[in-house]
PDB file of N, CA and C in Angstrom:
ATOM      1  N   UNK A   1       6.771 -73.338 -58.855  1.00  0.00           N
ATOM      2  CA  UNK A   1       6.886 -73.982 -57.555  1.00  0.00           C
ATOM      3  C   UNK A   1       6.477 -73.042 -56.418  1.00  0.00           C
ATOM      4  N   UNK A   2       6.759 -71.754 -56.554  1.00  0.00           N
ATOM      5  CA  UNK A   2       6.526 -70.836 -55.439  1.00  0.00           C
ATOM      6  C   UNK A   2       5.316 -69.928 -55.594  1.00  0.00           C
ATOM      7  N   UNK A   3       4.829 -69.734 -56.811  1.00  0.00           N
ATOM      8  CA  UNK A   3       3.772 -68.728 -56.956  1.00  0.00           C
ATOM      9  C   UNK A   3       2.767 -69.058 -58.065  1.00  0.00           C
ATOM     10  N   UNK A   4       2.263 -70.281 -58.051  1.00  0.00           N
ATOM     11  CA  UNK A   4       1.310 -70.704 -59.078  1.00  0.00           C
ATOM     12  C   UNK A   4      -0.049 -70.023 -58.935  1.00  0.00           C
ATOM     13  N   UNK A   5      -0.498 -69.825 -57.703  1.00  0.00           N
ATOM     14  CA  UNK A   5      -1.840 -69.319 -57.450  1.00  0.00           C
ATOM     15  C   UNK A   5      -1.798 -68.109 -56.525  1.00  0.00           C
ATOM     16  N   UNK A   6      -2.803 -67.266 -56.668  1.00  0.00           N
ATOM     17  CA  UNK A   6      -2.904 -66.076 -55.820  1.00  0.00           C
ATOM     18  C   UNK A   6      -4.094 -66.227 -54.876  1.00  0.00           C
ATOM     19  N   UNK A   7      -3.858 -65.926 -53.602  1.00  0.00           N
ATOM     20  CA  UNK A   7      -4.938 -65.840 -52.629  1.00  0.00           C
ATOM     21  C   UNK A   7      -5.329 -64.370 -52.607  1.00  0.00           C
ATOM     22  N   UNK A   8      -6.357 -64.037 -53.375  1.00  0.00           N
ATOM     23  CA  UNK A   8      -6.698 -62.641 -53.626  1.00  0.00           C
ATOM     24  C   UNK A   8      -7.052 -61.868 -52.354  1.00  0.00           C
ATOM     25  N   UNK A   9      -7.725 -62.485 -51.451  1.00  0.00           N
ATOM     26  CA  UNK A   9      -8.140 -61.805 -50.214  1.00  0.00           C
ATOM     27  C   UNK A   9      -6.940 -61.246 -49.443  1.00  0.00           C
ATOM     28  N   UNK A  10      -5.819 -61.965 -49.499  1.00  0.00           N
ATOM     29  CA  UNK A  10      -4.617 -61.557 -48.774  1.00  0.00           C
ATOM     30  C   UNK A  10      -3.514 -61.052 -49.696  1.00  0.00           C
ATOM     31  N   UNK A  11      -3.743 -61.093 -51.010  1.00  0.00           N
ATOM     32  CA  UNK A  11      -2.762 -60.664 -52.004  1.00  0.00           C
ATOM     33  C   UNK A  11      -1.436 -61.415 -51.846  1.00  0.00           C
ATOM     34  N   UNK A  12      -1.546 -62.735 -51.691  1.00  0.00           N
ATOM     35  CA  UNK A  12      -0.381 -63.606 -51.491  1.00  0.00           C
ATOM     36  C   UNK A  12      -0.384 -64.654 -52.596  1.00  0.00           C
ATOM     37  N   UNK A  13       0.800 -64.942 -53.100  1.00  0.00           N
ATOM     38  CA  UNK A  13       0.930 -65.993 -54.101  1.00  0.00           C
ATOM     39  C   UNK A  13       1.541 -67.232 -53.436  1.00  0.00           C
ATOM     40  N   UNK A  14       0.980 -68.398 -53.747  1.00  0.00           N
ATOM     41  CA  UNK A  14       1.479 -69.674 -53.220  1.00  0.00           C
ATOM     42  C   UNK A  14       1.662 -70.634 -54.383  1.00  0.00           C
ATOM     43  N   UNK A  15       2.437 -71.667 -54.143  1.00  0.00           N
ATOM     44  CA  UNK A  15       2.675 -72.672 -55.170  1.00  0.00           C
ATOM     45  C   UNK A  15       2.741 -74.056 -54.557  1.00  0.00           C
ATOM     46  N   UNK A  16       3.206 -74.992 -55.362  1.00  0.00           N
ATOM     47  CA  UNK A  16       3.307 -76.379 -54.904  1.00  0.00           C
ATOM     48  C   UNK A  16       4.208 -76.498 -53.686  1.00  0.00           C
ATOM     49  N   UNK A  17       5.250 -75.690 -53.622  1.00  0.00           N
ATOM     50  CA  UNK A  17       6.164 -75.738 -52.479  1.00  0.00           C
ATOM     51  C   UNK A  17       5.416 -75.476 -51.181  1.00  0.00           C
ATOM     52  N   UNK A  18       4.539 -74.500 -51.185  1.00  0.00           N
ATOM     53  CA  UNK A  18       3.772 -74.160 -49.986  1.00  0.00           C
ATOM     54  C   UNK A  18       2.760 -75.249 -49.635  1.00  0.00           C
ATOM     55  N   UNK A  19       2.105 -75.796 -50.641  1.00  0.00           N
ATOM     56  CA  UNK A  19       1.077 -76.803 -50.386  1.00  0.00           C
ATOM     57  C   UNK A  19       1.657 -78.141 -49.941  1.00  0.00           C
ATOM     58  N   UNK A  20       2.652 -78.627 -50.667  1.00  0.00           N
ATOM     59  CA  UNK A  20       3.256 -79.918 -50.301  1.00  0.00           C
ATOM     60  C   UNK A  20       4.040 -79.776 -49.000  1.00  0.00           C
ATOM     61  N   UNK A  21       4.553 -78.581 -48.727  1.00  0.00           N
ATOM     62  CA  UNK A  21       5.266 -78.326 -47.479  1.00  0.00           C
ATOM     63  C   UNK A  21       4.410 -78.478 -46.240  1.00  0.00           C
ATOM     64  N   UNK A  22       3.091 -78.502 -46.402  1.00  0.00           N
ATOM     65  CA  UNK A  22       2.195 -78.697 -45.264  1.00  0.00           C
ATOM     66  C   UNK A  22       2.269 -80.109 -44.697  1.00  0.00           C
ATOM     67  N   UNK A  23       2.772 -81.059 -45.481  1.00  0.00           N
ATOM     68  CA  UNK A  23       2.953 -82.427 -44.990  1.00  0.00           C
ATOM     69  C   UNK A  23       4.172 -82.406 -44.068  1.00  0.00           C
ATOM     70  N   UNK A  24       3.973 -82.658 -42.777  1.00  0.00           N
ATOM     71  CA  UNK A  24       5.074 -82.527 -41.801  1.00  0.00           C
ATOM     72  C   UNK A  24       6.311 -83.343 -42.178  1.00  0.00           C
ATOM     73  N   UNK A  25       7.465 -82.672 -42.189  1.00  0.00           N
ATOM     74  CA  UNK A  25       8.756 -83.322 -42.437  1.00  0.00           C
ATOM     75  C   UNK A  25       8.972 -83.751 -43.869  1.00  0.00           C
ATOM     76  N   UNK A  26       8.116 -84.587 -44.366  1.00  0.00           N
ATOM     77  CA  UNK A  26       8.274 -85.159 -45.699  1.00  0.00           C
ATOM     78  C   UNK A  26       8.099 -84.109 -46.793  1.00  0.00           C
ATOM     79  N   UNK A  27       7.103 -83.241 -46.645  1.00  0.00           N
ATOM     80  CA  UNK A  27       6.801 -82.262 -47.686  1.00  0.00           C
ATOM     81  C   UNK A  27       7.949 -81.319 -47.962  1.00  0.00           C
ATOM     82  N   UNK A  28       8.538 -80.754 -46.914  1.00  0.00           N
ATOM     83  CA  UNK A  28       9.641 -79.813 -47.102  1.00  0.00           C
ATOM     84  C   UNK A  28      10.886 -80.503 -47.633  1.00  0.00           C
ATOM     85  N   UNK A  29      11.130 -81.709 -47.189  1.00  0.00           N
ATOM     86  CA  UNK A  29      12.282 -82.457 -47.682  1.00  0.00           C
ATOM     87  C   UNK A  29      12.097 -82.800 -49.160  1.00  0.00           C
ATOM     88  N   UNK A  30      10.903 -83.216 -49.544  1.00  0.00           N
ATOM     89  CA  UNK A  30      10.618 -83.521 -50.943  1.00  0.00           C
ATOM     90  C   UNK A  30      10.789 -82.283 -51.816  1.00  0.00           C
ATOM     91  N   UNK A  31      10.278 -81.155 -51.377  1.00  0.00           N
ATOM     92  CA  UNK A  31      10.384 -79.924 -52.162  1.00  0.00           C
ATOM     93  C   UNK A  31      11.828 -79.432 -52.242  1.00  0.00           C
ATOM     94  N   UNK A  32      12.626 -79.708 -51.225  1.00  0.00           N
ATOM     95  CA  UNK A  32      14.039 -79.330 -51.264  1.00  0.00           C
ATOM     96  C   UNK A  32      14.797 -80.126 -52.317  1.00  0.00           C
ATOM     97  N   UNK A  33      14.400 -81.371 -52.520  1.00  0.00           N
ATOM     98  CA  UNK A  33      15.064 -82.157 -53.567  1.00  0.00           C
ATOM     99  C   UNK A  33      14.704 -81.606 -54.945  1.00  0.00           C
ATOM    100  N   UNK A  34      13.469 -81.125 -55.102  1.00  0.00           N
ATOM    101  CA  UNK A  34      13.085 -80.493 -56.366  1.00  0.00           C
ATOM    102  C   UNK A  34      13.870 -79.189 -56.544  1.00  0.00           C
ATOM    103  N   UNK A  35      14.027 -78.442 -55.464  1.00  0.00           N
ATOM    104  CA  UNK A  35      14.798 -77.188 -55.514  1.00  0.00           C
ATOM    105  C   UNK A  35      16.254 -77.439 -55.863  1.00  0.00           C
ATOM    106  N   UNK A  36      16.757 -78.598 -55.482  1.00  0.00           N
ATOM    107  CA  UNK A  36      18.140 -78.950 -55.799  1.00  0.00           C
ATOM    108  C   UNK A  36      18.360 -79.020 -57.314  1.00  0.00           C
ATOM    109  N   UNK A  37      17.321 -79.356 -58.059  1.00  0.00           N
ATOM    110  CA  UNK A  37      17.436 -79.397 -59.512  1.00  0.00           C
ATOM    111  C   UNK A  37      17.710 -78.002 -60.077  1.00  0.00           C
ATOM    112  N   UNK A  38      17.061 -76.997 -59.504  1.00  0.00           N
ATOM    113  CA  UNK A  38      17.296 -75.617 -59.937  1.00  0.00           C
ATOM    114  C   UNK A  38      18.756 -75.235 -59.660  1.00  0.00           C
ATOM    115  N   UNK A  39      19.264 -75.633 -58.517  1.00  0.00           N
ATOM    116  CA  UNK A  39      20.666 -75.359 -58.176  1.00  0.00           C
ATOM    117  C   UNK A  39      21.587 -76.059 -59.168  1.00  0.00           C
ATOM    118  N   UNK A  40      21.281 -77.300 -59.479  1.00  0.00           N
ATOM    119  CA  UNK A  40      22.070 -78.076 -60.437  1.00  0.00           C
ATOM    120  C   UNK A  40      22.111 -77.390 -61.805  1.00  0.00           C
ATOM    121  N   UNK A  41      20.957 -76.946 -62.263  1.00  0.00           N
ATOM    122  CA  UNK A  41      20.893 -76.270 -63.556  1.00  0.00           C
ATOM    123  C   UNK A  41      21.674 -74.958 -63.542  1.00  0.00           C
ATOM    124  N   UNK A  42      21.612 -74.239 -62.431  1.00  0.00           N
ATOM    125  CA  UNK A  42      22.387 -73.003 -62.308  1.00  0.00           C
ATOM    126  C   UNK A  42      23.882 -73.268 -62.426  1.00  0.00           C
ATOM    127  N   UNK A  43      24.316 -74.328 -61.805  1.00  0.00           N
ATOM    128  CA  UNK A  43      25.735 -74.688 -61.869  1.00  0.00           C
ATOM    129  C   UNK A  43      26.130 -75.054 -63.303  1.00  0.00           C
ATOM    130  N   UNK A  44      25.262 -75.807 -63.983  1.00  0.00           N
ATOM    131  CA  UNK A  44      25.538 -76.178 -65.377  1.00  0.00           C
ATOM    132  C   UNK A  44      25.589 -74.948 -66.285  1.00  0.00           C
ATOM    133  N   UNK A  45      24.812 -73.934 -65.954  1.00  0.00           N
ATOM    134  CA  UNK A  45      24.787 -72.712 -66.762  1.00  0.00           C
ATOM    135  C   UNK A  45      25.923 -71.761 -66.422  1.00  0.00           C
ATOM    136  N   UNK A  46      26.755 -72.130 -65.468  1.00  0.00           N
ATOM    137  CA  UNK A  46      27.968 -71.381 -65.194  1.00  0.00           C
ATOM    138  C   UNK A  46      27.859 -70.248 -64.188  1.00  0.00           C
ATOM    139  N   UNK A  47      26.918 -70.341 -63.230  1.00  0.00           N
ATOM    140  CA  UNK A  47      26.876 -69.283 -62.223  1.00  0.00           C
ATOM    141  C   UNK A  47      28.149 -69.348 -61.379  1.00  0.00           C
ATOM    142  N   UNK A  48      28.630 -68.206 -60.894  1.00  0.00           N
ATOM    143  CA  UNK A  48      29.824 -68.214 -60.042  1.00  0.00           C
ATOM    144  C   UNK A  48      29.605 -69.034 -58.764  1.00  0.00           C
ATOM    145  N   UNK A  49      30.713 -69.452 -58.181  1.00  0.00           N
ATOM    146  CA  UNK A  49      30.629 -70.286 -56.967  1.00  0.00           C
ATOM    147  C   UNK A  49      29.877 -69.595 -55.833  1.00  0.00           C
ATOM    148  N   UNK A  50      30.079 -68.289 -55.679  1.00  0.00           N
ATOM    149  CA  UNK A  50      29.395 -67.602 -54.582  1.00  0.00           C
ATOM    150  C   UNK A  50      27.886 -67.552 -54.821  1.00  0.00           C
ATOM    151  N   UNK A  51      27.463 -67.486 -56.079  1.00  0.00           N
ATOM    152  CA  UNK A  51      26.030 -67.516 -56.395  1.00  0.00           C
ATOM    153  C   UNK A  51      25.492 -68.921 -56.117  1.00  0.00           C
ATOM    154  N   UNK A  52      26.256 -69.924 -56.490  1.00  0.00           N
ATOM    155  CA  UNK A  52      25.876 -71.314 -56.225  1.00  0.00           C
ATOM    156  C   UNK A  52      25.704 -71.529 -54.720  1.00  0.00           C
ATOM    157  N   UNK A  53      26.630 -71.016 -53.921  1.00  0.00           N
ATOM    158  CA  UNK A  53      26.537 -71.138 -52.463  1.00  0.00           C
ATOM    159  C   UNK A  53      25.317 -70.386 -51.926  1.00  0.00           C
ATOM    160  N   UNK A  54      25.025 -69.219 -52.484  1.00  0.00           N
ATOM    161  CA  UNK A  54      23.848 -68.456 -52.072  1.00  0.00           C
ATOM    162  C   UNK A  54      22.573 -69.233 -52.372  1.00  0.00           C
ATOM    163  N   UNK A  55      22.534 -69.868 -53.529  1.00  0.00           N
ATOM    164  CA  UNK A  55      21.370 -70.664 -53.909  1.00  0.00           C
ATOM    165  C   UNK A  55      21.162 -71.834 -52.947  1.00  0.00           C
ATOM    166  N   UNK A  56      22.246 -72.496 -52.569  1.00  0.00           N
ATOM    167  CA  UNK A  56      22.162 -73.591 -51.595  1.00  0.00           C
ATOM    168  C   UNK A  56      21.653 -73.054 -50.264  1.00  0.00           C
ATOM    169  N   UNK A  57      22.160 -71.899 -49.849  1.00  0.00           N
ATOM    170  CA  UNK A  57      21.706 -71.278 -48.603  1.00  0.00           C
ATOM    171  C   UNK A  57      20.223 -70.951 -48.638  1.00  0.00           C
ATOM    172  N   UNK A  58      19.740 -70.451 -49.766  1.00  0.00           N
ATOM    173  CA  UNK A  58      18.308 -70.148 -49.896  1.00  0.00           C
ATOM    174  C   UNK A  58      17.450 -71.392 -49.672  1.00  0.00           C
ATOM    175  N   UNK A  59      17.873 -72.508 -50.256  1.00  0.00           N
ATOM    176  CA  UNK A  59      17.112 -73.751 -50.114  1.00  0.00           C
ATOM    177  C   UNK A  59      17.225 -74.283 -48.683  1.00  0.00           C
ATOM    178  N   UNK A  60      18.399 -74.191 -48.078  1.00  0.00           N
ATOM    179  CA  UNK A  60      18.549 -74.645 -46.692  1.00  0.00           C
ATOM    180  C   UNK A  60      17.673 -73.836 -45.743  1.00  0.00           C
ATOM    181  N   UNK A  61      17.634 -72.521 -45.927  1.00  0.00           N
ATOM    182  CA  UNK A  61      16.770 -71.680 -45.089  1.00  0.00           C
ATOM    183  C   UNK A  61      15.313 -72.072 -45.306  1.00  0.00           C
ATOM    184  N   UNK A  62      14.919 -72.265 -46.555  1.00  0.00           N
ATOM    185  CA  UNK A  62      13.551 -72.664 -46.880  1.00  0.00           C
ATOM    186  C   UNK A  62      13.205 -73.983 -46.197  1.00  0.00           C
ATOM    187  N   UNK A  63      14.128 -74.927 -46.239  1.00  0.00           N
ATOM    188  CA  UNK A  63      13.893 -76.248 -45.653  1.00  0.00           C
ATOM    189  C   UNK A  63      13.781 -76.166 -44.134  1.00  0.00           C
ATOM    190  N   UNK A  64      14.705 -75.463 -43.486  1.00  0.00           N
ATOM    191  CA  UNK A  64      14.697 -75.363 -42.024  1.00  0.00           C
ATOM    192  C   UNK A  64      13.451 -74.632 -41.535  1.00  0.00           C
ATOM    193  N   UNK A  65      13.113 -73.522 -42.182  1.00  0.00           N
ATOM    194  CA  UNK A  65      11.918 -72.773 -41.797  1.00  0.00           C
ATOM    195  C   UNK A  65      10.677 -73.651 -41.964  1.00  0.00           C
ATOM    196  N   UNK A  66      10.621 -74.377 -43.058  1.00  0.00           N
ATOM    197  CA  UNK A  66       9.462 -75.221 -43.338  1.00  0.00           C
ATOM    198  C   UNK A  66       9.281 -76.379 -42.377  1.00  0.00           C
ATOM    199  N   UNK A  67      10.338 -76.780 -41.693  1.00  0.00           N
ATOM    200  CA  UNK A  67      10.231 -77.884 -40.736  1.00  0.00           C
ATOM    201  C   UNK A  67       9.482 -77.488 -39.466  1.00  0.00           C
ATOM    202  N   UNK A  68       9.363 -76.205 -39.192  1.00  0.00           N
ATOM    203  CA  UNK A  68       8.643 -75.743 -38.001  1.00  0.00           C
ATOM    204  C   UNK A  68       7.144 -75.864 -38.303  1.00  0.00           C
ATOM    205  N   UNK A  69       6.412 -76.672 -37.520  1.00  0.00           N
ATOM    206  CA  UNK A  69       4.988 -76.876 -37.821  1.00  0.00           C
ATOM    207  C   UNK A  69       4.193 -75.568 -37.842  1.00  0.00           C
ATOM    208  N   UNK A  70       3.333 -75.424 -38.800  1.00  0.00           N
ATOM    209  CA  UNK A  70       2.412 -74.328 -39.047  1.00  0.00           C
ATOM    210  C   UNK A  70       3.087 -72.963 -39.205  1.00  0.00           C
ATOM    211  N   UNK A  71       3.804 -72.500 -38.191  1.00  0.00           N
ATOM    212  CA  UNK A  71       4.487 -71.203 -38.288  1.00  0.00           C
ATOM    213  C   UNK A  71       5.499 -71.238 -39.422  1.00  0.00           C
ATOM    214  N   UNK A  72       6.225 -72.321 -39.529  1.00  0.00           N
ATOM    215  CA  UNK A  72       7.194 -72.479 -40.596  1.00  0.00           C
ATOM    216  C   UNK A  72       6.541 -72.480 -41.964  1.00  0.00           C
ATOM    217  N   UNK A  73       5.361 -73.078 -42.044  1.00  0.00           N
ATOM    218  CA  UNK A  73       4.645 -73.091 -43.321  1.00  0.00           C
ATOM    219  C   UNK A  73       4.215 -71.686 -43.718  1.00  0.00           C
ATOM    220  N   UNK A  74       3.800 -70.889 -42.764  1.00  0.00           N
ATOM    221  CA  UNK A  74       3.421 -69.503 -43.057  1.00  0.00           C
ATOM    222  C   UNK A  74       4.636 -68.675 -43.467  1.00  0.00           C
ATOM    223  N   UNK A  75       5.753 -68.847 -42.764  1.00  0.00           N
ATOM    224  CA  UNK A  75       6.975 -68.118 -43.121  1.00  0.00           C
ATOM    225  C   UNK A  75       7.521 -68.585 -44.466  1.00  0.00           C
ATOM    226  N   UNK A  76       7.344 -69.860 -44.748  1.00  0.00           N
ATOM    227  CA  UNK A  76       7.801 -70.441 -46.011  1.00  0.00           C
ATOM    228  C   UNK A  76       7.114 -69.782 -47.213  1.00  0.00           C
ATOM    229  N   UNK A  77       5.871 -69.374 -47.044  1.00  0.00           N
ATOM    230  CA  UNK A  77       5.139 -68.712 -48.127  1.00  0.00           C
ATOM    231  C   UNK A  77       5.844 -67.420 -48.528  1.00  0.00           C
ATOM    232  N   UNK A  78       6.435 -66.736 -47.561  1.00  0.00           N
ATOM    233  CA  UNK A  78       7.105 -65.474 -47.845  1.00  0.00           C
ATOM    234  C   UNK A  78       8.536 -65.602 -48.352  1.00  0.00           C
ATOM    235  N   UNK A  79       9.197 -66.719 -48.090  1.00  0.00           N
ATOM    236  CA  UNK A  79      10.616 -66.843 -48.434  1.00  0.00           C
ATOM    237  C   UNK A  79      10.841 -67.061 -49.931  1.00  0.00           C
ATOM    238  N   UNK A  80      10.137 -67.994 -50.549  1.00  0.00           N
ATOM    239  CA  UNK A  80      10.183 -68.261 -51.990  1.00  0.00           C
ATOM    240  C   UNK A  80      11.607 -68.464 -52.533  1.00  0.00           C
ATOM    241  N   UNK A  81      12.286 -69.468 -51.996  1.00  0.00           N
ATOM    242  CA  UNK A  81      13.666 -69.757 -52.383  1.00  0.00           C
ATOM    243  C   UNK A  81      13.817 -70.044 -53.875  1.00  0.00           C
ATOM    244  N   UNK A  82      12.865 -70.741 -54.460  1.00  0.00           N
ATOM    245  CA  UNK A  82      12.991 -71.089 -55.880  1.00  0.00           C
ATOM    246  C   UNK A  82      12.958 -69.844 -56.768  1.00  0.00           C
ATOM    247  N   UNK A  83      12.077 -68.905 -56.456  1.00  0.00           N
ATOM    248  CA  UNK A  83      12.036 -67.665 -57.238  1.00  0.00           C
ATOM    249  C   UNK A  83      13.333 -66.882 -57.077  1.00  0.00           C
ATOM    250  N   UNK A  84      13.861 -66.865 -55.861  1.00  0.00           N
ATOM    251  CA  UNK A  84      15.138 -66.176 -55.623  1.00  0.00           C
ATOM    252  C   UNK A  84      16.256 -66.835 -56.428  1.00  0.00           C
ATOM    253  N   UNK A  85      16.267 -68.159 -56.447  1.00  0.00           N
ATOM    254  CA  UNK A  85      17.334 -68.865 -57.154  1.00  0.00           C
ATOM    255  C   UNK A  85      17.237 -68.701 -58.670  1.00  0.00           C
ATOM    256  N   UNK A  86      16.032 -68.714 -59.202  1.00  0.00           N
ATOM    257  CA  UNK A  86      15.872 -68.502 -60.642  1.00  0.00           C
ATOM    258  C   UNK A  86      16.321 -67.085 -61.008  1.00  0.00           C
ATOM    259  N   UNK A  87      15.998 -66.109 -60.156  1.00  0.00           N
ATOM    260  CA  UNK A  87      16.440 -64.729 -60.411  1.00  0.00           C
ATOM    261  C   UNK A  87      17.970 -64.644 -60.399  1.00  0.00           C
ATOM    262  N   UNK A  88      18.619 -65.367 -59.474  1.00  0.00           N
ATOM    263  CA  UNK A  88      20.084 -65.383 -59.433  1.00  0.00           C
ATOM    264  C   UNK A  88      20.659 -66.008 -60.703  1.00  0.00           C
ATOM    265  N   UNK A  89      20.038 -67.073 -61.179  1.00  0.00           N
ATOM    266  CA  UNK A  89      20.507 -67.704 -62.413  1.00  0.00           C
ATOM    267  C   UNK A  89      20.385 -66.733 -63.577  1.00  0.00           C
ATOM    268  N   UNK A  90      19.239 -66.090 -63.690  1.00  0.00           N
ATOM    269  CA  UNK A  90      19.034 -65.142 -64.788  1.00  0.00           C
ATOM    270  C   UNK A  90      20.042 -64.001 -64.755  1.00  0.00           C
ATOM    271  N   UNK A  91      20.422 -63.585 -63.569  1.00  0.00           N
ATOM    272  CA  UNK A  91      21.346 -62.470 -63.428  1.00  0.00           C
ATOM    273  C   UNK A  91      22.801 -62.867 -63.687  1.00  0.00           C
ATOM    274  N   UNK A  92      23.188 -64.074 -63.291  1.00  0.00           N
ATOM    275  CA  UNK A  92      24.612 -64.433 -63.286  1.00  0.00           C
ATOM    276  C   UNK A  92      25.015 -65.578 -64.222  1.00  0.00           C
ATOM    277  N   UNK A  93      24.072 -66.213 -64.884  1.00  0.00           N
ATOM    278  CA  UNK A  93      24.432 -67.363 -65.727  1.00  0.00           C
ATOM    279  C   UNK A  93      25.238 -66.893 -66.949  1.00  0.00           C
ATOM    280  N   UNK A  94      26.169 -67.729 -67.342  1.00  0.00           N
ATOM    281  CA  UNK A  94      27.000 -67.436 -68.516  1.00  0.00           C
ATOM    282  C   UNK A  94      26.406 -68.162 -69.710  1.00  0.00           C
ATOM    283  N   UNK A  95      25.350 -67.602 -70.243  1.00  0.00           N
ATOM    284  CA  UNK A  95      24.675 -68.197 -71.392  1.00  0.00           C
ATOM    285  C   UNK A  95      25.180 -67.500 -72.653  1.00  0.00           C
ATOM    286  N   UNK A  96      25.686 -68.291 -73.577  1.00  0.00           N
ATOM    287  CA  UNK A  96      26.229 -67.726 -74.818  1.00  0.00           C
ATOM    288  C   UNK A  96      25.187 -67.717 -75.905  1.00  0.00           C
TER     289      UNK A  96
END
């Protein structure tokens, strides 16, 4: 979602979140619902409540930043909430 392709000239990775987020209002809201699935899976895997809250905060920041036309889309490329949330799951999930 966050880093499918690399823009080699600028050494930046972008994904579907960045591209669909370019659609004003709708794109960021749609991508936030997809991000909610990652949060849901983290909760099912047993991440602590504070990690779950951090994951929600990451998506909320991503969504709010993305709502700002153009500037928000550029800042959104750097935030990468989904990658942050997957890293939190890998670190804190109680997988037996």
